Amino acid sequence: AYAGSQEALSVGLYSRVQWVGFEGAPKTFTFTMHSPMRNKKVNLGLIVLADRLGSRQETGFMFNYAYRIEMGRGKLSFGLAGGLTNISHNLNSLRYTDAGDILLQDPGRRALLPAFSIGSYYYTDQFFAGVSLPLLTSHKMNQETGMYRIGFDPANTNYSLSTGYLFTLTHKLEILPSLIFRTNHATATLLDIHCSVIY
């Protein structure tokens, strides 16, 4: 639903590297692009993701569609996203001591899985708030067959709420505190608090 909210073509490239110095440490690379169309109510976006953790590699893309309407002093947007994720396991990259382990006989497993998200986003010049259900579909692997089972489990769905407010201190200095609240009934609840200084 955030797509097109910058009122111009926006492009981003992000890199995240964790546990630097450890072999097989997590690495994530993300490319994003979104823009409003000629019909200002329609906005489109694209997300490309590459994620690596040990022998597991995940690459995928999602197309984003947002429909935006005027609402009071701001704008309300409704978003849908859909794409594909390719998950692979390169077992040859593992070091092991039991060469006869049956789990290591398969040189690698691959799966091409669908991904869907929905959300809504309201914003003004100073305030924003959004709610989303990212990655609605669940992908559970059957350990016996090595196949993924695609489904939807409301009890295991991620829920995300974000909000923030822009304070103008001077004509050159602004502060933007914000928070992201994420919860999943089956795992954990997280609260991220941010503050950006804009000069």
C-alpha atoms as a PDB file:
ATOM      1  CA  ALA A   1       0.000   0.000   0.000  1.00  0.00           C
ATOM      2  CA  TYR A   2       3.057   2.272   0.401  1.00  0.00           C
ATOM      3  CA  ALA A   3       3.748   2.159  -3.353  1.00  0.00           C
ATOM      4  CA  GLY A   4       3.551   5.577  -5.014  1.00  0.00           C
ATOM      5  CA  SER A   5       3.205   7.519  -1.759  1.00  0.00           C
ATOM      6  CA  GLN A   6       6.342   9.553  -2.532  1.00  0.00           C
ATOM      7  CA  GLU A   7       4.487  11.075  -5.505  1.00  0.00           C
ATOM      8  CA  ALA A   8       7.471  10.277  -7.766  1.00  0.00           C
ATOM      9  CA  LEU A   9       9.564   7.364  -8.981  1.00  0.00           C
ATOM     10  CA  SER A  10      11.424   5.981  -5.949  1.00  0.00           C
ATOM     11  CA  VAL A  11      14.254   3.453  -6.160  1.00  0.00           C
ATOM     12  CA  GLY A  12      16.059   1.808  -3.255  1.00  0.00           C
ATOM     13  CA  LEU A  13      18.915  -0.657  -2.858  1.00  0.00           C
ATOM     14  CA  TYR A  14      19.521  -2.172   0.571  1.00  0.00           C
ATOM     15  CA  SER A  15      22.125  -4.544   1.962  1.00  0.00           C
ATOM     16  CA  ARG A  16      22.189  -6.219   5.367  1.00  0.00           C
ATOM     17  CA  VAL A  17      25.058  -8.383   6.588  1.00  0.00           C
ATOM     18  CA  GLN A  18      24.927 -10.015  10.022  1.00  0.00           C
ATOM     19  CA  TRP A  19      27.484 -11.936  12.106  1.00  0.00           C
ATOM     20  CA  VAL A  20      30.362 -10.509  10.061  1.00  0.00           C
ATOM     21  CA  GLY A  21      33.346 -12.855   9.992  1.00  0.00           C
ATOM     22  CA  PHE A  22      31.357 -16.077  10.478  1.00  0.00           C
ATOM     23  CA  GLU A  23      31.165 -18.531   7.595  1.00  0.00           C
ATOM     24  CA  GLY A  24      27.617 -18.898   6.288  1.00  0.00           C
ATOM     25  CA  ALA A  25      26.437 -15.730   8.067  1.00  0.00           C
ATOM     26  CA  PRO A  26      23.078 -14.211   6.974  1.00  0.00           C
ATOM     27  CA  LYS A  27      23.188 -11.809   4.028  1.00  0.00           C
ATOM     28  CA  THR A  28      20.183  -9.988   2.599  1.00  0.00           C
ATOM     29  CA  PHE A  29      20.004  -7.790  -0.502  1.00  0.00           C
ATOM     30  CA  THR A  30      16.837  -5.933  -1.491  1.00  0.00           C
ATOM     31  CA  PHE A  31      15.945  -3.787  -4.516  1.00  0.00           C
ATOM     32  CA  THR A  32      12.736  -1.756  -4.497  1.00  0.00           C
ATOM     33  CA  MET A  33      11.068   0.495  -7.045  1.00  0.00           C
ATOM     34  CA  HIS A  34       7.639   2.139  -6.974  1.00  0.00           C
ATOM     35  CA  SER A  35       5.854   5.031  -8.623  1.00  0.00           C
ATOM     36  CA  PRO A  36       2.411   6.544  -9.204  1.00  0.00           C
ATOM     37  CA  MET A  37       0.962   6.085 -12.679  1.00  0.00           C
ATOM     38  CA  ARG A  38      -0.716   8.686 -14.917  1.00  0.00           C
ATOM     39  CA  ASN A  39      -3.928   7.830 -13.166  1.00  0.00           C
ATOM     40  CA  LYS A  40      -2.865   9.179  -9.759  1.00  0.00           C
ATOM     41  CA  LYS A  41      -5.076   6.641  -7.972  1.00  0.00           C
ATOM     42  CA  VAL A  42      -3.096   3.703  -9.359  1.00  0.00           C
ATOM     43  CA  ASN A  43       0.413   3.012  -8.073  1.00  0.00           C
ATOM     44  CA  LEU A  44       2.779   0.166  -8.959  1.00  0.00           C
ATOM     45  CA  GLY A  45       5.891  -1.244  -7.354  1.00  0.00           C
ATOM     46  CA  LEU A  46       8.450  -4.039  -7.487  1.00  0.00           C
ATOM     47  CA  ILE A  47      10.532  -5.745  -4.780  1.00  0.00           C
ATOM     48  CA  VAL A  48      13.435  -8.098  -5.567  1.00  0.00           C
ATOM     49  CA  LEU A  49      14.997 -10.006  -2.654  1.00  0.00           C
ATOM     50  CA  ALA A  50      18.040 -12.248  -2.259  1.00  0.00           C
ATOM     51  CA  ASP A  51      18.599 -13.870   1.132  1.00  0.00           C
ATOM     52  CA  ARG A  52      21.340 -16.313   2.149  1.00  0.00           C
ATOM     53  CA  LEU A  53      21.817 -18.191   5.409  1.00  0.00           C
ATOM     54  CA  GLY A  54      24.311 -21.029   5.454  1.00  0.00           C
ATOM     55  CA  SER A  55      23.308 -23.601   2.845  1.00  0.00           C
ATOM     56  CA  ARG A  56      19.859 -22.031   2.372  1.00  0.00           C
ATOM     57  CA  GLN A  57      19.311 -19.479  -0.395  1.00  0.00           C
ATOM     58  CA  GLU A  58      16.112 -17.609  -1.133  1.00  0.00           C
ATOM     59  CA  THR A  59      15.503 -15.306  -4.080  1.00  0.00           C
ATOM     60  CA  GLY A  60      12.215 -13.808  -5.124  1.00  0.00           C
ATOM     61  CA  PHE A  61      10.201 -10.904  -6.414  1.00  0.00           C
ATOM     62  CA  MET A  62       6.862  -9.296  -5.667  1.00  0.00           C
ATOM     63  CA  PHE A  63       4.755  -6.947  -7.771  1.00  0.00           C
ATOM     64  CA  ASN A  64       2.853  -4.345  -5.774  1.00  0.00           C
ATOM     65  CA  TYR A  65      -0.421  -2.660  -6.677  1.00  0.00           C
ATOM     66  CA  ALA A  66      -1.863   0.178  -4.603  1.00  0.00           C
ATOM     67  CA  TYR A  67      -5.125   2.062  -5.090  1.00  0.00           C
ATOM     68  CA  ARG A  68      -5.134   5.494  -3.444  1.00  0.00           C
ATOM     69  CA  ILE A  69      -8.008   7.828  -2.560  1.00  0.00           C
ATOM     70  CA  GLU A  70      -8.243  11.266  -0.982  1.00  0.00           C
ATOM     71  CA  MET A  71      -9.395  11.137   2.634  1.00  0.00           C
ATOM     72  CA  GLY A  72      -9.614  14.269   4.741  1.00  0.00           C
ATOM     73  CA  ARG A  73      -6.267  16.051   4.875  1.00  0.00           C
ATOM     74  CA  GLY A  74      -4.432  12.934   3.699  1.00  0.00           C
ATOM     75  CA  LYS A  75      -4.606   9.933   1.426  1.00  0.00           C
ATOM     76  CA  LEU A  76      -5.651   6.338   2.073  1.00  0.00           C
ATOM     77  CA  SER A  77      -4.145   3.534   0.048  1.00  0.00           C
ATOM     78  CA  PHE A  78      -5.051  -0.145  -0.259  1.00  0.00           C
ATOM     79  CA  GLY A  79      -2.370  -2.526  -1.478  1.00  0.00           C
ATOM     80  CA  LEU A  80      -2.019  -6.018  -2.893  1.00  0.00           C
ATOM     81  CA  ALA A  81       1.229  -7.819  -3.638  1.00  0.00           C
ATOM     82  CA  GLY A  82       1.984 -11.093  -5.361  1.00  0.00           C
ATOM     83  CA  GLY A  83       5.103 -12.859  -6.509  1.00  0.00           C
ATOM     84  CA  LEU A  84       7.285 -15.936  -6.438  1.00  0.00           C
ATOM     85  CA  THR A  85      10.037 -17.116  -4.128  1.00  0.00           C
ATOM     86  CA  ASN A  86      12.689 -19.673  -5.079  1.00  0.00           C
ATOM     87  CA  ILE A  87      14.122 -21.575  -2.107  1.00  0.00           C
ATOM     88  CA  SER A  88      17.126 -23.829  -2.529  1.00  0.00           C
ATOM     89  CA  HIS A  89      19.413 -25.773  -0.201  1.00  0.00           C
ATOM     90  CA  ASN A  90      22.979 -26.421  -1.313  1.00  0.00           C
ATOM     91  CA  LEU A  91      23.927 -29.325   0.951  1.00  0.00           C
ATOM     92  CA  ASN A  92      27.330 -29.598  -0.754  1.00  0.00           C
ATOM     93  CA  SER A  93      28.336 -26.387   1.027  1.00  0.00           C
ATOM     94  CA  LEU A  94      28.030 -28.081   4.434  1.00  0.00           C
ATOM     95  CA  ARG A  95      30.921 -29.609   6.359  1.00  0.00           C
ATOM     96  CA  TYR A  96      29.998 -32.936   7.937  1.00  0.00           C
ATOM     97  CA  THR A  97      31.617 -35.917   9.648  1.00  0.00           C
ATOM     98  CA  ASP A  98      29.115 -38.642   8.740  1.00  0.00           C
ATOM     99  CA  ALA A  99      29.395 -39.092   4.978  1.00  0.00           C
ATOM    100  CA  GLY A 100      26.713 -41.800   5.057  1.00  0.00           C
ATOM    101  CA  ASP A 101      24.025 -39.545   6.502  1.00  0.00           C
ATOM    102  CA  ILE A 102      20.927 -40.090   4.354  1.00  0.00           C
ATOM    103  CA  LEU A 103      19.978 -36.403   4.676  1.00  0.00           C
ATOM    104  CA  LEU A 104      23.175 -35.509   2.777  1.00  0.00           C
ATOM    105  CA  GLN A 105      22.570 -37.811  -0.194  1.00  0.00           C
ATOM    106  CA  ASP A 106      20.440 -35.194  -1.970  1.00  0.00           C
ATOM    107  CA  PRO A 107      22.840 -32.561  -3.408  1.00  0.00           C
ATOM    108  CA  GLY A 108      20.179 -29.859  -3.190  1.00  0.00           C
ATOM    109  CA  ARG A 109      16.476 -29.161  -3.034  1.00  0.00           C
ATOM    110  CA  ARG A 110      14.583 -26.419  -4.816  1.00  0.00           C
ATOM    111  CA  ALA A 111      11.065 -25.090  -4.565  1.00  0.00           C
ATOM    112  CA  LEU A 112       9.255 -22.298  -6.383  1.00  0.00           C
ATOM    113  CA  LEU A 113       6.586 -20.928  -4.055  1.00  0.00           C
ATOM    114  CA  PRO A 114       3.909 -18.221  -4.401  1.00  0.00           C
ATOM    115  CA  ALA A 115       3.867 -15.235  -2.040  1.00  0.00           C
ATOM    116  CA  PHE A 116       1.031 -12.785  -1.316  1.00  0.00           C
ATOM    117  CA  SER A 117       0.603  -9.737   0.936  1.00  0.00           C
ATOM    118  CA  ILE A 118      -2.122  -7.179   1.668  1.00  0.00           C
ATOM    119  CA  GLY A 119      -2.149  -3.891   3.530  1.00  0.00           C
ATOM    120  CA  SER A 120      -3.457  -0.355   3.876  1.00  0.00           C
ATOM    121  CA  TYR A 121      -1.642   2.924   4.443  1.00  0.00           C
ATOM    122  CA  TYR A 122      -2.850   6.384   5.459  1.00  0.00           C
ATOM    123  CA  TYR A 123      -0.608   9.438   5.323  1.00  0.00           C
ATOM    124  CA  THR A 124      -0.527  13.225   5.428  1.00  0.00           C
ATOM    125  CA  ASP A 125       2.389  15.658   5.163  1.00  0.00           C
ATOM    126  CA  GLN A 126       3.296  14.950   8.803  1.00  0.00           C
ATOM    127  CA  PHE A 127       1.653  11.685   9.896  1.00  0.00           C
ATOM    128  CA  PHE A 128       1.498   8.124   8.606  1.00  0.00           C
ATOM    129  CA  ALA A 129       0.014   4.835   9.755  1.00  0.00           C
ATOM    130  CA  GLY A 130      -0.153   1.465   8.083  1.00  0.00           C
ATOM    131  CA  VAL A 131      -1.334  -2.059   8.753  1.00  0.00           C
ATOM    132  CA  SER A 132      -0.362  -5.116   6.751  1.00  0.00           C
ATOM    133  CA  LEU A 133      -0.422  -8.885   6.575  1.00  0.00           C
ATOM    134  CA  PRO A 134       2.870  -9.706   4.852  1.00  0.00           C
ATOM    135  CA  LEU A 135       3.399 -13.108   3.263  1.00  0.00           C
ATOM    136  CA  LEU A 136      -0.049 -14.554   3.840  1.00  0.00           C
ATOM    137  CA  THR A 137       0.747 -18.011   2.500  1.00  0.00           C
ATOM    138  CA  SER A 138       2.639 -20.484   4.655  1.00  0.00           C
ATOM    139  CA  HIS A 139       5.224 -22.887   3.252  1.00  0.00           C
ATOM    140  CA  LYS A 140       5.709 -25.962   5.416  1.00  0.00           C
ATOM    141  CA  MET A 141       8.163 -28.658   4.385  1.00  0.00           C
ATOM    142  CA  ASN A 142       7.324 -32.321   4.770  1.00  0.00           C
ATOM    143  CA  GLN A 143      10.543 -33.786   6.185  1.00  0.00           C
ATOM    144  CA  GLU A 144       9.767 -37.225   4.754  1.00  0.00           C
ATOM    145  CA  THR A 145       9.127 -36.172   1.154  1.00  0.00           C
ATOM    146  CA  GLY A 146      11.125 -32.925   1.060  1.00  0.00           C
ATOM    147  CA  MET A 147       8.132 -31.209  -0.566  1.00  0.00           C
ATOM    148  CA  TYR A 148       6.576 -27.939   0.536  1.00  0.00           C
ATOM    149  CA  ARG A 149       2.905 -27.676   1.407  1.00  0.00           C
ATOM    150  CA  ILE A 150       1.327 -24.310   0.606  1.00  0.00           C
ATOM    151  CA  GLY A 151      -1.510 -23.101   2.782  1.00  0.00           C
ATOM    152  CA  PHE A 152      -3.012 -20.322   4.864  1.00  0.00           C
ATOM    153  CA  ASP A 153      -2.968 -20.507   8.652  1.00  0.00           C
ATOM    154  CA  PRO A 154      -4.548 -17.475  10.405  1.00  0.00           C
ATOM    155  CA  ALA A 155      -2.991 -18.539  13.703  1.00  0.00           C
ATOM    156  CA  ASN A 156       0.482 -18.360  12.147  1.00  0.00           C
ATOM    157  CA  THR A 157      -0.023 -15.152  10.147  1.00  0.00           C
ATOM    158  CA  ASN A 158       2.218 -12.130  10.664  1.00  0.00           C
ATOM    159  CA  TYR A 159       0.498  -8.840  11.520  1.00  0.00           C
ATOM    160  CA  SER A 160       2.337  -5.540  11.200  1.00  0.00           C
ATOM    161  CA  LEU A 161       1.403  -2.024  12.332  1.00  0.00           C
ATOM    162  CA  SER A 162       3.547   1.046  11.649  1.00  0.00           C
ATOM    163  CA  THR A 163       3.101   4.719  12.503  1.00  0.00           C
ATOM    164  CA  GLY A 164       5.115   7.907  12.769  1.00  0.00           C
ATOM    165  CA  TYR A 165       4.916  11.685  13.005  1.00  0.00           C
ATOM    166  CA  LEU A 166       7.168  14.364  11.474  1.00  0.00           C
ATOM    167  CA  PHE A 167       8.119  17.230  13.809  1.00  0.00           C
ATOM    168  CA  THR A 168       9.505  20.412  12.224  1.00  0.00           C
ATOM    169  CA  LEU A 169      12.056  22.065  14.523  1.00  0.00           C
ATOM    170  CA  THR A 170      13.363  24.724  12.121  1.00  0.00           C
ATOM    171  CA  HIS A 171      12.979  25.352   8.410  1.00  0.00           C
ATOM    172  CA  LYS A 172      16.042  23.106   7.887  1.00  0.00           C
ATOM    173  CA  LEU A 173      15.712  20.497  10.632  1.00  0.00           C
ATOM    174  CA  GLU A 174      13.018  17.826  11.124  1.00  0.00           C
ATOM    175  CA  ILE A 175      12.690  14.784  13.380  1.00  0.00           C
ATOM    176  CA  LEU A 176      10.678  11.701  12.439  1.00  0.00           C
ATOM    177  CA  PRO A 177      10.065   9.231  15.315  1.00  0.00           C
ATOM    178  CA  SER A 178       8.276   6.050  14.262  1.00  0.00           C
ATOM    179  CA  LEU A 179       7.540   2.531  15.387  1.00  0.00           C
ATOM    180  CA  ILE A 180       6.763  -0.846  13.871  1.00  0.00           C
ATOM    181  CA  PHE A 181       4.752  -3.375  15.865  1.00  0.00           C
ATOM    182  CA  ARG A 182       4.831  -6.952  14.575  1.00  0.00           C
ATOM    183  CA  THR A 183       3.142  -9.972  16.048  1.00  0.00           C
ATOM    184  CA  ASN A 184       2.699 -13.630  15.262  1.00  0.00           C
ATOM    185  CA  HIS A 185       0.623 -15.710  17.668  1.00  0.00           C
ATOM    186  CA  ALA A 186       2.761 -18.773  17.023  1.00  0.00           C
ATOM    187  CA  THR A 187       6.183 -17.165  17.518  1.00  0.00           C
ATOM    188  CA  ALA A 188       6.776 -13.730  19.024  1.00  0.00           C
ATOM    189  CA  THR A 189       5.801 -10.075  19.263  1.00  0.00           C
ATOM    190  CA  LEU A 190       8.342  -7.410  18.311  1.00  0.00           C
ATOM    191  CA  LEU A 191       8.411  -3.636  18.667  1.00  0.00           C
ATOM    192  CA  ASP A 192      10.930  -1.579  16.674  1.00  0.00           C
ATOM    193  CA  ILE A 193      11.361   2.095  17.611  1.00  0.00           C
ATOM    194  CA  HIS A 194      13.114   4.451  15.195  1.00  0.00           C
ATOM    195  CA  CYS A 195      14.000   8.110  15.020  1.00  0.00           C
ATOM    196  CA  SER A 196      15.263   9.837  11.897  1.00  0.00           C
ATOM    197  CA  VAL A 197      16.845  13.290  11.850  1.00  0.00           C
ATOM    198  CA  ILE A 198      16.321  15.099   8.568  1.00  0.00           C
ATOM    199  CA  TYR A 199      18.473  18.103   7.643  1.00  0.00           C
END
